[in-house]
């Protein structure tokens, strides 16, 4: 019987494989490096809190609210926004508003790539979290 998540200290390979999909790229290490540089003072808040207006608007209207706090301004307005790119979609991608859209796109014959972006509505923090093939 498998042990409940959190009851055992997992190794790096276990942690990486826990939520892995074929073709998935996780950007957590890049995020941690950027936040470390910000906290060390080598990167300013203006450099990392640069979300475009459309990204912030999509985060507030279509984003999935996260329970964790923003790593920059420490508010509770952190959202994940998913964009999908592929054939027969707009050149700027399509902002996904619900799971049914992802399911519908994944059933098509063409290959689509989804990008999940973490966005803070308050300060403009944004970072690519992961990308995966549908």
N, C-alpha and C. Protein backbone atom coordinates (compact mmCIF):
# COMPACT_ATOMS: atom_id res chain seq x y z
N UNK A 1 0.85 -1.18 0.00
CA UNK A 1 0.00 0.00 0.00
C UNK A 1 0.89 1.24 0.00
N UNK A 2 0.64 2.19 -0.91
CA UNK A 2 1.47 3.39 -0.95
C UNK A 2 1.25 4.27 0.29
N UNK A 3 2.30 4.95 0.67
CA UNK A 3 2.22 5.86 1.80
C UNK A 3 1.60 7.18 1.36
N UNK A 4 0.88 7.85 2.26
CA UNK A 4 0.29 9.13 1.89
C UNK A 4 1.37 10.16 1.58
N UNK A 5 1.04 11.05 0.65
CA UNK A 5 1.98 12.11 0.27
C UNK A 5 2.31 12.96 1.48
N UNK A 6 3.58 13.27 1.66
CA UNK A 6 4.02 14.10 2.77
C UNK A 6 4.49 13.30 3.98
N UNK A 7 4.23 12.00 4.00
CA UNK A 7 4.63 11.21 5.16
C UNK A 7 6.06 10.70 5.04
N UNK A 8 6.63 10.78 3.84
CA UNK A 8 7.97 10.28 3.61
C UNK A 8 8.77 11.36 2.88
N UNK A 9 10.03 11.48 3.20
CA UNK A 9 10.88 12.43 2.49
C UNK A 9 11.24 11.80 1.13
N UNK A 10 10.81 12.44 0.07
CA UNK A 10 11.06 11.92 -1.27
C UNK A 10 12.41 12.41 -1.78
N UNK A 11 13.04 11.60 -2.61
CA UNK A 11 14.25 12.02 -3.30
C UNK A 11 13.89 12.93 -4.46
N UNK A 12 14.88 13.54 -5.08
CA UNK A 12 14.64 14.47 -6.17
C UNK A 12 13.92 13.79 -7.33
N UNK A 13 14.34 12.60 -7.69
CA UNK A 13 13.70 11.93 -8.83
C UNK A 13 12.24 11.60 -8.52
N UNK A 14 11.93 11.25 -7.28
CA UNK A 14 10.54 10.97 -6.90
C UNK A 14 9.70 12.24 -6.98
N UNK A 15 10.26 13.34 -6.52
CA UNK A 15 9.52 14.60 -6.55
C UNK A 15 9.27 15.06 -7.98
N UNK A 16 10.24 14.90 -8.84
CA UNK A 16 10.09 15.31 -10.24
C UNK A 16 9.10 14.42 -10.96
N UNK A 17 9.13 13.13 -10.70
CA UNK A 17 8.26 12.19 -11.40
C UNK A 17 6.84 12.15 -10.84
N UNK A 18 6.61 12.75 -9.69
CA UNK A 18 5.30 12.66 -9.05
C UNK A 18 4.18 13.21 -9.92
N UNK A 19 4.40 14.31 -10.63
CA UNK A 19 3.36 14.93 -11.44
C UNK A 19 3.81 15.06 -12.89
N UNK A 20 4.67 14.21 -13.32
CA UNK A 20 5.26 14.33 -14.64
C UNK A 20 4.35 13.79 -15.73
N UNK A 21 4.22 14.54 -16.79
CA UNK A 21 3.53 14.11 -18.01
C UNK A 21 4.58 14.02 -19.10
N UNK A 22 4.36 13.19 -20.08
CA UNK A 22 5.31 13.15 -21.19
C UNK A 22 5.41 14.53 -21.85
N UNK A 23 6.61 14.99 -22.06
CA UNK A 23 6.83 16.30 -22.69
C UNK A 23 6.68 17.48 -21.76
N UNK A 24 6.54 17.25 -20.46
CA UNK A 24 6.38 18.36 -19.52
C UNK A 24 7.72 18.94 -19.12
N UNK A 25 7.79 20.26 -19.07
CA UNK A 25 8.99 20.96 -18.61
C UNK A 25 8.58 21.79 -17.41
N UNK A 26 9.30 21.61 -16.32
CA UNK A 26 9.02 22.31 -15.08
C UNK A 26 10.05 23.41 -14.89
N UNK A 27 9.60 24.61 -14.56
CA UNK A 27 10.49 25.76 -14.45
C UNK A 27 10.69 26.21 -13.00
N UNK A 28 10.49 25.30 -12.03
CA UNK A 28 10.62 25.66 -10.62
C UNK A 28 12.03 26.13 -10.26
N UNK A 29 13.04 25.48 -10.81
CA UNK A 29 14.42 25.88 -10.48
C UNK A 29 14.74 27.27 -11.00
N UNK A 30 14.29 27.59 -12.19
CA UNK A 30 14.49 28.93 -12.73
C UNK A 30 13.77 29.97 -11.87
N UNK A 31 12.57 29.62 -11.40
CA UNK A 31 11.80 30.51 -10.52
C UNK A 31 12.55 30.73 -9.21
N UNK A 32 13.05 29.65 -8.62
CA UNK A 32 13.79 29.76 -7.36
C UNK A 32 15.05 30.60 -7.54
N UNK A 33 15.76 30.43 -8.64
CA UNK A 33 16.96 31.24 -8.90
C UNK A 33 16.63 32.72 -9.01
N UNK A 34 15.55 33.03 -9.72
CA UNK A 34 15.16 34.43 -9.88
C UNK A 34 14.75 35.04 -8.55
N UNK A 35 13.99 34.31 -7.75
CA UNK A 35 13.58 34.83 -6.45
C UNK A 35 14.77 34.98 -5.50
N UNK A 36 15.72 34.06 -5.60
CA UNK A 36 16.93 34.17 -4.79
C UNK A 36 17.71 35.44 -5.18
N UNK A 37 17.83 35.70 -6.47
CA UNK A 37 18.52 36.91 -6.94
C UNK A 37 17.78 38.16 -6.49
N UNK A 38 16.45 38.13 -6.49
CA UNK A 38 15.66 39.27 -6.02
C UNK A 38 15.90 39.51 -4.53
N UNK A 39 15.86 38.46 -3.75
CA UNK A 39 16.06 38.61 -2.30
C UNK A 39 17.49 39.02 -1.95
N UNK A 40 18.43 38.65 -2.81
CA UNK A 40 19.84 39.04 -2.59
C UNK A 40 20.09 40.48 -3.03
N UNK A 41 19.14 41.07 -3.75
CA UNK A 41 19.28 42.46 -4.17
C UNK A 41 19.92 42.65 -5.54
N UNK A 42 20.23 41.58 -6.24
CA UNK A 42 20.86 41.72 -7.55
C UNK A 42 19.84 41.92 -8.68
N UNK A 43 18.55 41.72 -8.38
CA UNK A 43 17.47 41.95 -9.34
C UNK A 43 16.42 42.80 -8.63
N UNK A 44 15.96 43.86 -9.29
CA UNK A 44 14.99 44.75 -8.66
C UNK A 44 13.56 44.24 -8.86
N UNK A 45 12.65 44.76 -8.06
CA UNK A 45 11.25 44.37 -8.18
C UNK A 45 10.69 44.83 -9.52
N UNK A 46 11.15 45.97 -10.02
CA UNK A 46 10.69 46.44 -11.33
C UNK A 46 11.05 45.48 -12.45
N UNK A 47 12.15 44.76 -12.30
CA UNK A 47 12.57 43.82 -13.33
C UNK A 47 11.75 42.53 -13.32
N UNK A 48 11.26 42.13 -12.17
CA UNK A 48 10.54 40.85 -12.11
C UNK A 48 9.03 41.01 -12.02
N UNK A 49 8.55 42.19 -11.70
CA UNK A 49 7.10 42.45 -11.62
C UNK A 49 6.67 43.25 -12.84
N UNK A 50 6.74 42.60 -13.99
CA UNK A 50 6.54 43.29 -15.26
C UNK A 50 5.43 42.69 -16.11
N UNK A 51 4.39 42.18 -15.47
CA UNK A 51 3.30 41.54 -16.21
C UNK A 51 2.60 42.56 -17.11
N UNK A 52 2.35 42.15 -18.35
CA UNK A 52 1.62 42.99 -19.28
C UNK A 52 0.16 43.10 -18.84
N UNK A 53 -0.50 44.13 -19.30
CA UNK A 53 -1.90 44.38 -18.92
C UNK A 53 -2.79 43.21 -19.28
N UNK A 54 -2.62 42.63 -20.46
CA UNK A 54 -3.46 41.52 -20.88
C UNK A 54 -3.25 40.29 -19.99
N UNK A 55 -2.00 40.03 -19.60
CA UNK A 55 -1.72 38.90 -18.72
C UNK A 55 -2.39 39.10 -17.36
N UNK A 56 -2.30 40.29 -16.81
CA UNK A 56 -2.94 40.59 -15.53
C UNK A 56 -4.46 40.48 -15.63
N UNK A 57 -5.02 40.97 -16.73
CA UNK A 57 -6.47 40.88 -16.94
C UNK A 57 -6.91 39.42 -17.05
N UNK A 58 -6.16 38.61 -17.81
CA UNK A 58 -6.49 37.19 -17.92
C UNK A 58 -6.37 36.49 -16.58
N UNK A 59 -5.38 36.87 -15.79
CA UNK A 59 -5.20 36.27 -14.46
C UNK A 59 -6.39 36.57 -13.56
N UNK A 60 -6.89 37.80 -13.60
CA UNK A 60 -8.00 38.14 -12.72
C UNK A 60 -9.33 37.55 -13.19
N UNK A 61 -9.52 37.37 -14.50
CA UNK A 61 -10.80 36.87 -15.00
C UNK A 61 -10.81 35.37 -15.30
N UNK A 62 -9.67 34.82 -15.72
CA UNK A 62 -9.64 33.41 -16.15
C UNK A 62 -8.70 32.55 -15.32
N UNK A 63 -7.87 33.17 -14.49
CA UNK A 63 -6.86 32.43 -13.74
C UNK A 63 -7.44 31.61 -12.61
N UNK A 64 -6.67 30.62 -12.23
CA UNK A 64 -7.04 29.75 -11.10
C UNK A 64 -6.33 30.29 -9.86
N UNK A 65 -7.11 30.66 -8.86
CA UNK A 65 -6.54 31.21 -7.62
C UNK A 65 -5.71 30.16 -6.91
N UNK A 66 -4.56 30.59 -6.40
CA UNK A 66 -3.68 29.71 -5.65
C UNK A 66 -3.77 30.02 -4.17
N UNK A 67 -3.51 29.03 -3.35
CA UNK A 67 -3.55 29.23 -1.90
C UNK A 67 -2.29 29.88 -1.37
N UNK A 68 -1.20 29.77 -2.11
CA UNK A 68 0.06 30.34 -1.62
C UNK A 68 0.12 31.84 -1.87
N UNK A 69 0.98 32.49 -1.12
CA UNK A 69 1.15 33.93 -1.21
C UNK A 69 2.12 34.28 -2.34
N UNK A 70 2.01 35.51 -2.84
CA UNK A 70 2.94 35.99 -3.85
C UNK A 70 4.34 36.03 -3.23
N UNK A 71 5.35 35.51 -3.91
CA UNK A 71 6.70 35.50 -3.34
C UNK A 71 7.35 36.88 -3.30
N UNK A 72 6.77 37.86 -3.96
CA UNK A 72 7.37 39.20 -4.01
C UNK A 72 6.66 40.15 -3.04
N UNK A 73 5.35 40.32 -3.20
CA UNK A 73 4.63 41.31 -2.39
C UNK A 73 3.87 40.69 -1.21
N UNK A 74 3.88 39.37 -1.09
CA UNK A 74 3.27 38.62 0.00
C UNK A 74 1.78 38.94 0.18
N UNK A 75 1.06 39.00 -0.94
CA UNK A 75 -0.40 39.12 -0.89
C UNK A 75 -1.00 37.80 -1.37
N UNK A 76 -2.30 37.70 -1.26
CA UNK A 76 -2.98 36.45 -1.60
C UNK A 76 -3.67 36.53 -2.97
N UNK A 77 -3.10 37.24 -3.92
CA UNK A 77 -3.69 37.39 -5.24
C UNK A 77 -2.87 36.71 -6.33
N UNK A 78 -2.38 35.53 -6.04
CA UNK A 78 -1.57 34.76 -6.99
C UNK A 78 -2.48 33.83 -7.78
N UNK A 79 -2.31 33.83 -9.10
CA UNK A 79 -3.14 33.01 -9.99
C UNK A 79 -2.28 32.27 -10.99
N UNK A 80 -2.79 31.15 -11.47
CA UNK A 80 -2.18 30.43 -12.59
C UNK A 80 -3.04 30.66 -13.82
N UNK A 81 -2.40 31.05 -14.90
CA UNK A 81 -3.07 31.28 -16.17
C UNK A 81 -2.48 30.30 -17.17
N UNK A 82 -3.33 29.61 -17.94
CA UNK A 82 -2.87 28.64 -18.92
C UNK A 82 -3.16 29.14 -20.33
N UNK A 83 -2.11 29.15 -21.15
CA UNK A 83 -2.24 29.50 -22.56
C UNK A 83 -1.90 28.26 -23.38
N UNK A 84 -2.63 28.07 -24.48
CA UNK A 84 -2.37 26.95 -25.37
C UNK A 84 -2.04 27.50 -26.76
N UNK A 85 -1.00 26.93 -27.37
CA UNK A 85 -0.56 27.32 -28.71
C UNK A 85 -0.60 26.11 -29.61
N UNK A 86 -0.96 26.33 -30.86
CA UNK A 86 -0.98 25.24 -31.82
C UNK A 86 -1.74 25.64 -33.07
N UNK A 87 -1.89 24.68 -33.99
CA UNK A 87 -2.58 24.97 -35.24
C UNK A 87 -4.04 25.36 -35.02
N UNK A 88 -4.51 26.27 -35.84
CA UNK A 88 -5.89 26.74 -35.83
C UNK A 88 -6.25 27.50 -34.55
N UNK A 89 -5.25 28.00 -33.87
CA UNK A 89 -5.46 28.87 -32.71
C UNK A 89 -4.86 30.23 -33.05
N UNK A 90 -5.27 31.30 -32.36
CA UNK A 90 -4.68 32.62 -32.63
C UNK A 90 -3.16 32.60 -32.43
N UNK A 91 -2.46 33.48 -33.12
CA UNK A 91 -0.99 33.50 -33.03
C UNK A 91 -0.50 33.82 -31.62
N UNK A 92 -1.31 34.55 -30.86
CA UNK A 92 -0.95 34.87 -29.48
C UNK A 92 -1.37 33.80 -28.49
N UNK A 93 -1.83 32.68 -28.99
CA UNK A 93 -2.27 31.60 -28.12
C UNK A 93 -3.70 31.81 -27.66
N UNK A 94 -4.20 30.85 -26.94
CA UNK A 94 -5.55 30.92 -26.42
C UNK A 94 -5.51 30.75 -24.91
N UNK A 95 -6.13 31.67 -24.21
CA UNK A 95 -6.20 31.58 -22.75
C UNK A 95 -7.30 30.58 -22.40
N UNK A 96 -6.95 29.59 -21.64
CA UNK A 96 -7.89 28.53 -21.28
C UNK A 96 -8.65 28.95 -20.02
N UNK A 97 -9.97 28.85 -20.10
CA UNK A 97 -10.79 29.27 -18.97
C UNK A 97 -11.33 28.13 -18.14
N UNK A 98 -11.33 26.91 -18.70
CA UNK A 98 -11.83 25.78 -17.91
C UNK A 98 -11.23 24.47 -18.42
N UNK A 99 -11.40 23.43 -17.64
CA UNK A 99 -10.83 22.12 -17.96
C UNK A 99 -11.45 21.51 -19.21
N UNK A 100 -12.70 21.83 -19.50
CA UNK A 100 -13.35 21.29 -20.69
C UNK A 100 -12.64 21.72 -21.97
N UNK A 101 -12.11 22.95 -21.99
CA UNK A 101 -11.37 23.43 -23.17
C UNK A 101 -10.10 22.61 -23.38
N UNK A 102 -9.39 22.33 -22.30
CA UNK A 102 -8.17 21.53 -22.40
C UNK A 102 -8.50 20.13 -22.91
N UNK A 103 -9.54 19.55 -22.38
CA UNK A 103 -9.96 18.21 -22.80
C UNK A 103 -10.32 18.20 -24.28
N UNK A 104 -11.07 19.20 -24.72
CA UNK A 104 -11.47 19.28 -26.12
C UNK A 104 -10.26 19.43 -27.04
N UNK A 105 -9.31 20.28 -26.67
CA UNK A 105 -8.11 20.46 -27.49
C UNK A 105 -7.24 19.22 -27.50
N UNK A 106 -7.16 18.51 -26.39
CA UNK A 106 -6.30 17.32 -26.33
C UNK A 106 -6.85 16.18 -27.18
N UNK A 107 -8.13 16.21 -27.51
CA UNK A 107 -8.74 15.17 -28.34
C UNK A 107 -8.49 15.38 -29.83
N UNK A 108 -8.07 16.57 -30.21
CA UNK A 108 -7.81 16.85 -31.62
C UNK A 108 -6.55 16.12 -32.07
N UNK A 109 -6.44 15.93 -33.37
CA UNK A 109 -5.30 15.23 -33.95
C UNK A 109 -4.01 16.04 -33.86
N UNK A 110 -4.10 17.35 -33.89
CA UNK A 110 -2.91 18.20 -33.90
C UNK A 110 -2.24 18.23 -32.52
N UNK A 111 -0.99 18.66 -32.52
CA UNK A 111 -0.24 18.78 -31.28
C UNK A 111 -0.34 20.21 -30.76
N UNK A 112 -0.72 20.34 -29.51
CA UNK A 112 -0.84 21.64 -28.86
C UNK A 112 0.08 21.67 -27.65
N UNK A 113 0.62 22.85 -27.38
CA UNK A 113 1.48 23.02 -26.21
C UNK A 113 0.83 24.01 -25.25
N UNK A 114 0.74 23.63 -23.99
CA UNK A 114 0.16 24.49 -22.95
C UNK A 114 1.27 25.07 -22.10
N UNK A 115 1.11 26.33 -21.74
CA UNK A 115 2.05 27.03 -20.87
C UNK A 115 1.28 27.58 -19.67
N UNK A 116 1.74 27.25 -18.48
CA UNK A 116 1.11 27.73 -17.25
C UNK A 116 1.98 28.82 -16.65
N UNK A 117 1.38 30.00 -16.47
CA UNK A 117 2.11 31.17 -15.96
C UNK A 117 1.52 31.56 -14.61
N UNK A 118 2.40 31.77 -13.64
CA UNK A 118 2.01 32.24 -12.31
C UNK A 118 2.00 33.77 -12.36
N UNK A 119 0.91 34.39 -11.92
CA UNK A 119 0.78 35.85 -12.01
C UNK A 119 0.22 36.39 -10.70
N UNK A 120 0.79 37.49 -10.22
CA UNK A 120 0.24 38.20 -9.07
C UNK A 120 -0.51 39.41 -9.60
N UNK A 121 -1.77 39.51 -9.27
CA UNK A 121 -2.60 40.61 -9.74
C UNK A 121 -2.17 41.93 -9.11
N UNK A 122 -1.66 41.90 -7.89
CA UNK A 122 -1.30 43.13 -7.18
C UNK A 122 0.01 43.76 -7.65
N UNK A 123 1.09 42.98 -7.69
CA UNK A 123 2.40 43.58 -7.99
C UNK A 123 2.88 43.32 -9.42
N UNK A 124 2.26 42.39 -10.15
CA UNK A 124 2.68 42.11 -11.51
C UNK A 124 3.73 41.02 -11.65
N UNK A 125 4.05 40.33 -10.55
CA UNK A 125 4.98 39.21 -10.63
C UNK A 125 4.42 38.18 -11.60
N UNK A 126 5.27 37.65 -12.46
CA UNK A 126 4.84 36.58 -13.37
C UNK A 126 6.03 35.73 -13.71
N UNK A 127 5.77 34.43 -13.79
CA UNK A 127 6.84 33.50 -14.14
C UNK A 127 6.22 32.25 -14.75
N UNK A 128 6.86 31.74 -15.78
CA UNK A 128 6.43 30.50 -16.40
C UNK A 128 6.66 29.36 -15.41
N UNK A 129 5.62 28.60 -15.11
CA UNK A 129 5.70 27.52 -14.14
C UNK A 129 6.01 26.19 -14.81
N UNK A 130 5.27 25.89 -15.89
CA UNK A 130 5.52 24.64 -16.61
C UNK A 130 4.91 24.74 -18.00
N UNK A 131 5.40 23.86 -18.87
CA UNK A 131 4.81 23.72 -20.19
C UNK A 131 4.67 22.21 -20.45
N UNK A 132 3.66 21.86 -21.24
CA UNK A 132 3.44 20.46 -21.54
C UNK A 132 2.69 20.32 -22.85
N UNK A 133 2.81 19.16 -23.45
CA UNK A 133 2.14 18.87 -24.70
C UNK A 133 0.80 18.22 -24.40
N UNK A 134 -0.23 18.70 -25.05
CA UNK A 134 -1.58 18.11 -24.87
C UNK A 134 -1.71 16.85 -25.70
